[in-house]
Amino acid sequence: SDKTLSESIAAFAIQNGEIAAPFQFLNLGILAYTGGGSALAQLQVAPNGEPVKSTGKVGFGLWRSVYLTKQVSLRNRVL
């Protein structure tokens, strides 16, 4: 058959009639540590609301709190 690889994959993927839901990106915000106990933070609190923006020590506080809550284990949080 003269199918391309993408056509073969698409045909295989929809064999049983089920189609995956389209991808949707959820922007949670931007965090950047800038050194010296300072950071930039832009957090998306509500899906259609204004982002919360902060810099300096307050930005670092936001950055550090998100960083620590995303650590998987208590051991990583302490280290």
PDB file of N, CA and C in Angstrom:
ATOM      1  N   SER A   1       0.841  -1.179   0.000  1.00  0.00           N
ATOM      2  CA  SER A   1       0.000   0.000   0.000  1.00  0.00           C
ATOM      3  C   SER A   1       0.883   1.239   0.000  1.00  0.00           C
ATOM      4  N   ASP A   2       0.347   2.326  -0.516  1.00  0.00           N
ATOM      5  CA  ASP A   2       1.109   3.569  -0.653  1.00  0.00           C
ATOM      6  C   ASP A   2       0.787   4.563   0.451  1.00  0.00           C
ATOM      7  N   LYS A   3       0.425   4.070   1.630  1.00  0.00           N
ATOM      8  CA  LYS A   3       0.123   4.967   2.743  1.00  0.00           C
ATOM      9  C   LYS A   3       1.417   5.512   3.345  1.00  0.00           C
ATOM     10  N   THR A   4       1.345   6.765   3.761  1.00  0.00           N
ATOM     11  CA  THR A   4       2.476   7.332   4.493  1.00  0.00           C
ATOM     12  C   THR A   4       2.421   6.812   5.930  1.00  0.00           C
ATOM     13  N   LEU A   5       3.493   6.998   6.646  1.00  0.00           N
ATOM     14  CA  LEU A   5       3.529   6.554   8.035  1.00  0.00           C
ATOM     15  C   LEU A   5       2.440   7.230   8.856  1.00  0.00           C
ATOM     16  N   SER A   6       2.243   8.524   8.665  1.00  0.00           N
ATOM     17  CA  SER A   6       1.217   9.237   9.437  1.00  0.00           C
ATOM     18  C   SER A   6      -0.185   8.729   9.107  1.00  0.00           C
ATOM     19  N   GLU A   7      -0.426   8.390   7.861  1.00  0.00           N
ATOM     20  CA  GLU A   7      -1.730   7.835   7.484  1.00  0.00           C
ATOM     21  C   GLU A   7      -1.939   6.454   8.107  1.00  0.00           C
ATOM     22  N   SER A   8      -0.878   5.659   8.158  1.00  0.00           N
ATOM     23  CA  SER A   8      -0.971   4.343   8.790  1.00  0.00           C
ATOM     24  C   SER A   8      -1.249   4.459  10.279  1.00  0.00           C
ATOM     25  N   ILE A   9      -0.568   5.396  10.932  1.00  0.00           N
ATOM     26  CA  ILE A   9      -0.788   5.601  12.369  1.00  0.00           C
ATOM     27  C   ILE A   9      -2.208   6.099  12.616  1.00  0.00           C
ATOM     28  N   ALA A  10      -2.676   7.031  11.806  1.00  0.00           N
ATOM     29  CA  ALA A  10      -4.039   7.558  11.960  1.00  0.00           C
ATOM     30  C   ALA A  10      -5.070   6.458  11.749  1.00  0.00           C
ATOM     31  N   ALA A  11      -4.867   5.618  10.751  1.00  0.00           N
ATOM     32  CA  ALA A  11      -5.803   4.519  10.485  1.00  0.00           C
ATOM     33  C   ALA A  11      -5.826   3.547  11.659  1.00  0.00           C
ATOM     34  N   PHE A  12      -4.664   3.241  12.213  1.00  0.00           N
ATOM     35  CA  PHE A  12      -4.590   2.343  13.361  1.00  0.00           C
ATOM     36  C   PHE A  12      -5.263   2.960  14.578  1.00  0.00           C
ATOM     37  N   ALA A  13      -5.050   4.264  14.783  1.00  0.00           N
ATOM     38  CA  ALA A  13      -5.566   4.949  15.964  1.00  0.00           C
ATOM     39  C   ALA A  13      -7.084   5.016  15.986  1.00  0.00           C
ATOM     40  N   ILE A  14      -7.731   5.071  14.823  1.00  0.00           N
ATOM     41  CA  ILE A  14      -9.196   5.196  14.791  1.00  0.00           C
ATOM     42  C   ILE A  14      -9.882   3.894  14.386  1.00  0.00           C
ATOM     43  N   GLN A  15      -9.178   2.774  14.483  1.00  0.00           N
ATOM     44  CA  GLN A  15      -9.736   1.466  14.148  1.00  0.00           C
ATOM     45  C   GLN A  15     -11.042   1.193  14.864  1.00  0.00           C
ATOM     46  N   ASN A  16     -11.075   1.444  16.145  1.00  0.00           N
ATOM     47  CA  ASN A  16     -12.261   1.096  16.929  1.00  0.00           C
ATOM     48  C   ASN A  16     -13.271   2.236  16.997  1.00  0.00           C
ATOM     49  N   GLY A  17     -13.084   3.267  16.229  1.00  0.00           N
ATOM     50  CA  GLY A  17     -14.057   4.361  16.152  1.00  0.00           C
ATOM     51  C   GLY A  17     -13.907   5.412  17.233  1.00  0.00           C
ATOM     52  N   GLU A  18     -12.986   5.218  18.157  1.00  0.00           N
ATOM     53  CA  GLU A  18     -12.789   6.200  19.214  1.00  0.00           C
ATOM     54  C   GLU A  18     -11.718   7.192  18.783  1.00  0.00           C
ATOM     55  N   ILE A  19     -11.989   8.449  19.017  1.00  0.00           N
ATOM     56  CA  ILE A  19     -11.028   9.497  18.682  1.00  0.00           C
ATOM     57  C   ILE A  19     -10.694  10.234  19.968  1.00  0.00           C
ATOM     58  N   ALA A  20      -9.419  10.468  20.181  1.00  0.00           N
ATOM     59  CA  ALA A  20      -8.980  11.162  21.392  1.00  0.00           C
ATOM     60  C   ALA A  20      -9.453  12.612  21.383  1.00  0.00           C
ATOM     61  N   ALA A  21      -9.652  13.128  22.573  1.00  0.00           N
ATOM     62  CA  ALA A  21     -10.034  14.539  22.709  1.00  0.00           C
ATOM     63  C   ALA A  21      -8.867  15.413  22.276  1.00  0.00           C
ATOM     64  N   PRO A  22      -9.146  16.574  21.693  1.00  0.00           N
ATOM     65  CA  PRO A  22      -8.059  17.457  21.278  1.00  0.00           C
ATOM     66  C   PRO A  22      -7.257  17.939  22.482  1.00  0.00           C
ATOM     67  N   PHE A  23      -5.977  18.177  22.254  1.00  0.00           N
ATOM     68  CA  PHE A  23      -5.087  18.645  23.307  1.00  0.00           C
ATOM     69  C   PHE A  23      -5.448  20.066  23.706  1.00  0.00           C
ATOM     70  N   GLN A  24      -5.488  20.316  25.011  1.00  0.00           N
ATOM     71  CA  GLN A  24      -5.730  21.665  25.508  1.00  0.00           C
ATOM     72  C   GLN A  24      -4.625  22.012  26.491  1.00  0.00           C
ATOM     73  N   PHE A  25      -3.960  23.132  26.270  1.00  0.00           N
ATOM     74  CA  PHE A  25      -2.869  23.571  27.128  1.00  0.00           C
ATOM     75  C   PHE A  25      -3.416  24.427  28.253  1.00  0.00           C
ATOM     76  N   LEU A  26      -3.016  24.129  29.469  1.00  0.00           N
ATOM     77  CA  LEU A  26      -3.418  24.911  30.634  1.00  0.00           C
ATOM     78  C   LEU A  26      -2.202  25.676  31.134  1.00  0.00           C
ATOM     79  N   ASN A  27      -2.190  26.980  30.950  1.00  0.00           N
ATOM     80  CA  ASN A  27      -1.079  27.814  31.373  1.00  0.00           C
ATOM     81  C   ASN A  27      -1.205  28.111  32.861  1.00  0.00           C
ATOM     82  N   LEU A  28      -0.276  27.590  33.654  1.00  0.00           N
ATOM     83  CA  LEU A  28      -0.291  27.835  35.093  1.00  0.00           C
ATOM     84  C   LEU A  28       0.540  29.044  35.487  1.00  0.00           C
ATOM     85  N   GLY A  29       1.335  29.552  34.562  1.00  0.00           N
ATOM     86  CA  GLY A  29       2.120  30.740  34.847  1.00  0.00           C
ATOM     87  C   GLY A  29       3.591  30.543  34.521  1.00  0.00           C
ATOM     88  N   ILE A  30       4.376  31.544  34.883  1.00  0.00           N
ATOM     89  CA  ILE A  30       5.806  31.554  34.596  1.00  0.00           C
ATOM     90  C   ILE A  30       6.544  31.901  35.887  1.00  0.00           C
ATOM     91  N   LEU A  31       7.580  31.125  36.188  1.00  0.00           N
ATOM     92  CA  LEU A  31       8.423  31.403  37.343  1.00  0.00           C
ATOM     93  C   LEU A  31       9.873  31.376  36.894  1.00  0.00           C
ATOM     94  N   ALA A  32      10.656  32.355  37.335  1.00  0.00           N
ATOM     95  CA  ALA A  32      12.070  32.397  36.971  1.00  0.00           C
ATOM     96  C   ALA A  32      12.889  32.892  38.159  1.00  0.00           C
ATOM     97  N   TYR A  33      13.794  32.048  38.624  1.00  0.00           N
ATOM     98  CA  TYR A  33      14.712  32.445  39.689  1.00  0.00           C
ATOM     99  C   TYR A  33      15.825  33.263  39.058  1.00  0.00           C
ATOM    100  N   THR A  34      16.076  34.466  39.580  1.00  0.00           N
ATOM    101  CA  THR A  34      17.078  35.350  38.982  1.00  0.00           C
ATOM    102  C   THR A  34      18.337  35.468  39.821  1.00  0.00           C
ATOM    103  N   GLY A  35      18.404  34.745  40.931  1.00  0.00           N
ATOM    104  CA  GLY A  35      19.598  34.743  41.769  1.00  0.00           C
ATOM    105  C   GLY A  35      19.536  35.775  42.877  1.00  0.00           C
ATOM    106  N   GLY A  36      20.354  35.567  43.879  1.00  0.00           N
ATOM    107  CA  GLY A  36      20.434  36.528  44.976  1.00  0.00           C
ATOM    108  C   GLY A  36      19.152  36.664  45.774  1.00  0.00           C
ATOM    109  N   GLY A  37      18.369  35.602  45.871  1.00  0.00           N
ATOM    110  CA  GLY A  37      17.117  35.654  46.632  1.00  0.00           C
ATOM    111  C   GLY A  37      16.034  36.469  45.958  1.00  0.00           C
ATOM    112  N   SER A  38      16.072  36.541  44.631  1.00  0.00           N
ATOM    113  CA  SER A  38      15.037  37.270  43.902  1.00  0.00           C
ATOM    114  C   SER A  38      14.549  36.440  42.723  1.00  0.00           C
ATOM    115  N   ALA A  39      13.317  36.675  42.329  1.00  0.00           N
ATOM    116  CA  ALA A  39      12.717  35.901  41.235  1.00  0.00           C
ATOM    117  C   ALA A  39      11.607  36.699  40.576  1.00  0.00           C
ATOM    118  N   LEU A  40      11.202  36.223  39.415  1.00  0.00           N
ATOM    119  CA  LEU A  40      10.061  36.781  38.687  1.00  0.00           C
ATOM    120  C   LEU A  40       8.945  35.755  38.736  1.00  0.00           C
ATOM    121  N   ALA A  41       7.723  36.205  38.947  1.00  0.00           N
ATOM    122  CA  ALA A  41       6.587  35.293  39.012  1.00  0.00           C
ATOM    123  C   ALA A  41       5.396  35.898  38.283  1.00  0.00           C
ATOM    124  N   GLN A  42       4.756  35.087  37.480  1.00  0.00           N
ATOM    125  CA  GLN A  42       3.502  35.465  36.835  1.00  0.00           C
ATOM    126  C   GLN A  42       2.606  34.232  36.905  1.00  0.00           C
ATOM    127  N   LEU A  43       1.637  34.250  37.823  1.00  0.00           N
ATOM    128  CA  LEU A  43       0.784  33.098  38.063  1.00  0.00           C
ATOM    129  C   LEU A  43      -0.620  33.350  37.535  1.00  0.00           C
ATOM    130  N   GLN A  44      -1.150  32.371  36.847  1.00  0.00           N
ATOM    131  CA  GLN A  44      -2.506  32.456  36.307  1.00  0.00           C
ATOM    132  C   GLN A  44      -3.445  31.850  37.343  1.00  0.00           C
ATOM    133  N   VAL A  45      -4.130  32.684  38.104  1.00  0.00           N
ATOM    134  CA  VAL A  45      -4.992  32.212  39.190  1.00  0.00           C
ATOM    135  C   VAL A  45      -6.332  31.731  38.656  1.00  0.00           C
ATOM    136  N   ALA A  46      -6.960  32.506  37.780  1.00  0.00           N
ATOM    137  CA  ALA A  46      -8.246  32.140  37.181  1.00  0.00           C
ATOM    138  C   ALA A  46      -8.044  31.971  35.673  1.00  0.00           C
ATOM    139  N   PRO A  47      -8.759  31.027  35.046  1.00  0.00           N
ATOM    140  CA  PRO A  47      -8.554  30.771  33.617  1.00  0.00           C
ATOM    141  C   PRO A  47      -8.667  32.006  32.723  1.00  0.00           C
ATOM    142  N   ASN A  48      -9.604  32.888  32.992  1.00  0.00           N
ATOM    143  CA  ASN A  48      -9.779  34.060  32.142  1.00  0.00           C
ATOM    144  C   ASN A  48      -9.455  35.360  32.864  1.00  0.00           C
ATOM    145  N   GLY A  49      -8.875  35.253  34.050  1.00  0.00           N
ATOM    146  CA  GLY A  49      -8.577  36.444  34.835  1.00  0.00           C
ATOM    147  C   GLY A  49      -7.194  36.991  34.558  1.00  0.00           C
ATOM    148  N   GLU A  50      -6.900  38.092  35.202  1.00  0.00           N
ATOM    149  CA  GLU A  50      -5.589  38.718  35.082  1.00  0.00           C
ATOM    150  C   GLU A  50      -4.564  37.904  35.860  1.00  0.00           C
ATOM    151  N   PRO A  51      -3.356  37.761  35.326  1.00  0.00           N
ATOM    152  CA  PRO A  51      -2.320  37.037  36.067  1.00  0.00           C
ATOM    153  C   PRO A  51      -1.794  37.860  37.241  1.00  0.00           C
ATOM    154  N   VAL A  52      -1.329  37.172  38.278  1.00  0.00           N
ATOM    155  CA  VAL A  52      -0.694  37.804  39.419  1.00  0.00           C
ATOM    156  C   VAL A  52       0.792  37.912  39.097  1.00  0.00           C
ATOM    157  N   LYS A  53       1.324  39.130  39.091  1.00  0.00           N
ATOM    158  CA  LYS A  53       2.733  39.355  38.740  1.00  0.00           C
ATOM    159  C   LYS A  53       3.484  39.882  39.948  1.00  0.00           C
ATOM    160  N   SER A  54       4.720  39.394  40.112  1.00  0.00           N
ATOM    161  CA  SER A  54       5.531  39.843  41.224  1.00  0.00           C
ATOM    162  C   SER A  54       7.011  39.689  40.882  1.00  0.00           C
ATOM    163  N   THR A  55       7.833  40.532  41.483  1.00  0.00           N
ATOM    164  CA  THR A  55       9.286  40.462  41.279  1.00  0.00           C
ATOM    165  C   THR A  55       9.978  40.620  42.622  1.00  0.00           C
ATOM    166  N   GLY A  56      11.275  40.425  42.636  1.00  0.00           N
ATOM    167  CA  GLY A  56      12.076  40.633  43.836  1.00  0.00           C
ATOM    168  C   GLY A  56      11.835  39.585  44.896  1.00  0.00           C
ATOM    169  N   LYS A  57      11.804  40.041  46.156  1.00  0.00           N
ATOM    170  CA  LYS A  57      11.657  39.130  47.301  1.00  0.00           C
ATOM    171  C   LYS A  57      10.281  38.459  47.319  1.00  0.00           C
ATOM    172  N   VAL A  58       9.238  39.194  46.959  1.00  0.00           N
ATOM    173  CA  VAL A  58       7.899  38.608  46.918  1.00  0.00           C
ATOM    174  C   VAL A  58       7.827  37.561  45.806  1.00  0.00           C
ATOM    175  N   GLY A  59       8.414  37.852  44.660  1.00  0.00           N
ATOM    176  CA  GLY A  59       8.492  36.884  43.571  1.00  0.00           C
ATOM    177  C   GLY A  59       9.249  35.641  43.991  1.00  0.00           C
ATOM    178  N   PHE A  60      10.330  35.838  44.766  1.00  0.00           N
ATOM    179  CA  PHE A  60      11.094  34.709  45.273  1.00  0.00           C
ATOM    180  C   PHE A  60      10.246  33.869  46.218  1.00  0.00           C
ATOM    181  N   GLY A  61       9.454  34.520  47.048  1.00  0.00           N
ATOM    182  CA  GLY A  61       8.558  33.790  47.957  1.00  0.00           C
ATOM    183  C   GLY A  61       7.567  32.934  47.185  1.00  0.00           C
ATOM    184  N   LEU A  62       6.992  33.493  46.136  1.00  0.00           N
ATOM    185  CA  LEU A  62       6.078  32.710  45.292  1.00  0.00           C
ATOM    186  C   LEU A  62       6.809  31.564  44.606  1.00  0.00           C
ATOM    187  N   TRP A  63       7.994  31.865  44.052  1.00  0.00           N
ATOM    188  CA  TRP A  63       8.782  30.846  43.363  1.00  0.00           C
ATOM    189  C   TRP A  63       9.125  29.708  44.311  1.00  0.00           C
ATOM    190  N   ARG A  64       9.611  30.059  45.496  1.00  0.00           N
ATOM    191  CA  ARG A  64      10.023  29.044  46.468  1.00  0.00           C
ATOM    192  C   ARG A  64       8.837  28.210  46.943  1.00  0.00           C
ATOM    193  N   SER A  65       7.678  28.833  47.172  1.00  0.00           N
ATOM    194  CA  SER A  65       6.513  28.085  47.644  1.00  0.00           C
ATOM    195  C   SER A  65       6.033  27.096  46.581  1.00  0.00           C
ATOM    196  N   VAL A  66       6.017  27.510  45.333  1.00  0.00           N
ATOM    197  CA  VAL A  66       5.622  26.587  44.261  1.00  0.00           C
ATOM    198  C   VAL A  66       6.664  25.488  44.116  1.00  0.00           C
ATOM    199  N   TYR A  67       7.933  25.852  44.153  1.00  0.00           N
ATOM    200  CA  TYR A  67       9.017  24.877  44.025  1.00  0.00           C
ATOM    201  C   TYR A  67       8.918  23.810  45.109  1.00  0.00           C
ATOM    202  N   LEU A  68       8.718  24.231  46.354  1.00  0.00           N
ATOM    203  CA  LEU A  68       8.655  23.273  47.459  1.00  0.00           C
ATOM    204  C   LEU A  68       7.403  22.403  47.403  1.00  0.00           C
ATOM    205  N   THR A  69       6.282  22.958  46.980  1.00  0.00           N
ATOM    206  CA  THR A  69       5.061  22.139  46.908  1.00  0.00           C
ATOM    207  C   THR A  69       5.106  21.137  45.766  1.00  0.00           C
ATOM    208  N   LYS A  70       5.934  21.389  44.750  1.00  0.00           N
ATOM    209  CA  LYS A  70       6.043  20.462  43.625  1.00  0.00           C
ATOM    210  C   LYS A  70       7.044  19.327  43.881  1.00  0.00           C
ATOM    211  N   GLN A  71       7.803  19.410  44.968  1.00  0.00           N
ATOM    212  CA  GLN A  71       8.721  18.326  45.313  1.00  0.00           C
ATOM    213  C   GLN A  71       7.914  17.099  45.683  1.00  0.00           C
ATOM    214  N   VAL A  72       8.339  15.941  45.213  1.00  0.00           N
ATOM    215  CA  VAL A  72       7.569  14.710  45.384  1.00  0.00           C
ATOM    216  C   VAL A  72       7.608  14.192  46.809  1.00  0.00           C
ATOM    217  N   SER A  73       8.767  14.130  47.389  1.00  0.00           N
ATOM    218  CA  SER A  73       8.868  13.516  48.710  1.00  0.00           C
ATOM    219  C   SER A  73       9.265  14.535  49.773  1.00  0.00           C
ATOM    220  N   LEU A  74       8.987  14.193  51.021  1.00  0.00           N
ATOM    221  CA  LEU A  74       9.379  15.043  52.133  1.00  0.00           C
ATOM    222  C   LEU A  74      10.897  15.147  52.193  1.00  0.00           C
ATOM    223  N   ARG A  75      11.596  14.074  51.849  1.00  0.00           N
ATOM    224  CA  ARG A  75      13.057  14.086  51.852  1.00  0.00           C
ATOM    225  C   ARG A  75      13.591  15.176  50.906  1.00  0.00           C
ATOM    226  N   ASN A  76      13.020  15.266  49.688  1.00  0.00           N
ATOM    227  CA  ASN A  76      13.446  16.292  48.736  1.00  0.00           C
ATOM    228  C   ASN A  76      13.115  17.691  49.229  1.00  0.00           C
ATOM    229  N   ARG A  77      12.009  17.831  49.917  1.00  0.00           N
ATOM    230  CA  ARG A  77      11.626  19.145  50.433  1.00  0.00           C
ATOM    231  C   ARG A  77      12.594  19.625  51.498  1.00  0.00           C
ATOM    232  N   VAL A  78      13.063  18.711  52.327  1.00  0.00           N
ATOM    233  CA  VAL A  78      13.982  19.064  53.402  1.00  0.00           C
ATOM    234  C   VAL A  78      15.374  19.343  52.847  1.00  0.00           C
ATOM    235  N   LEU A  79      15.807  18.551  51.876  1.00  0.00           N
ATOM    236  CA  LEU A  79      17.149  18.742  51.309  1.00  0.00           C
ATOM    237  C   LEU A  79      17.147  19.999  50.504  1.00  0.00           C
TER     238      LEU A  79
END
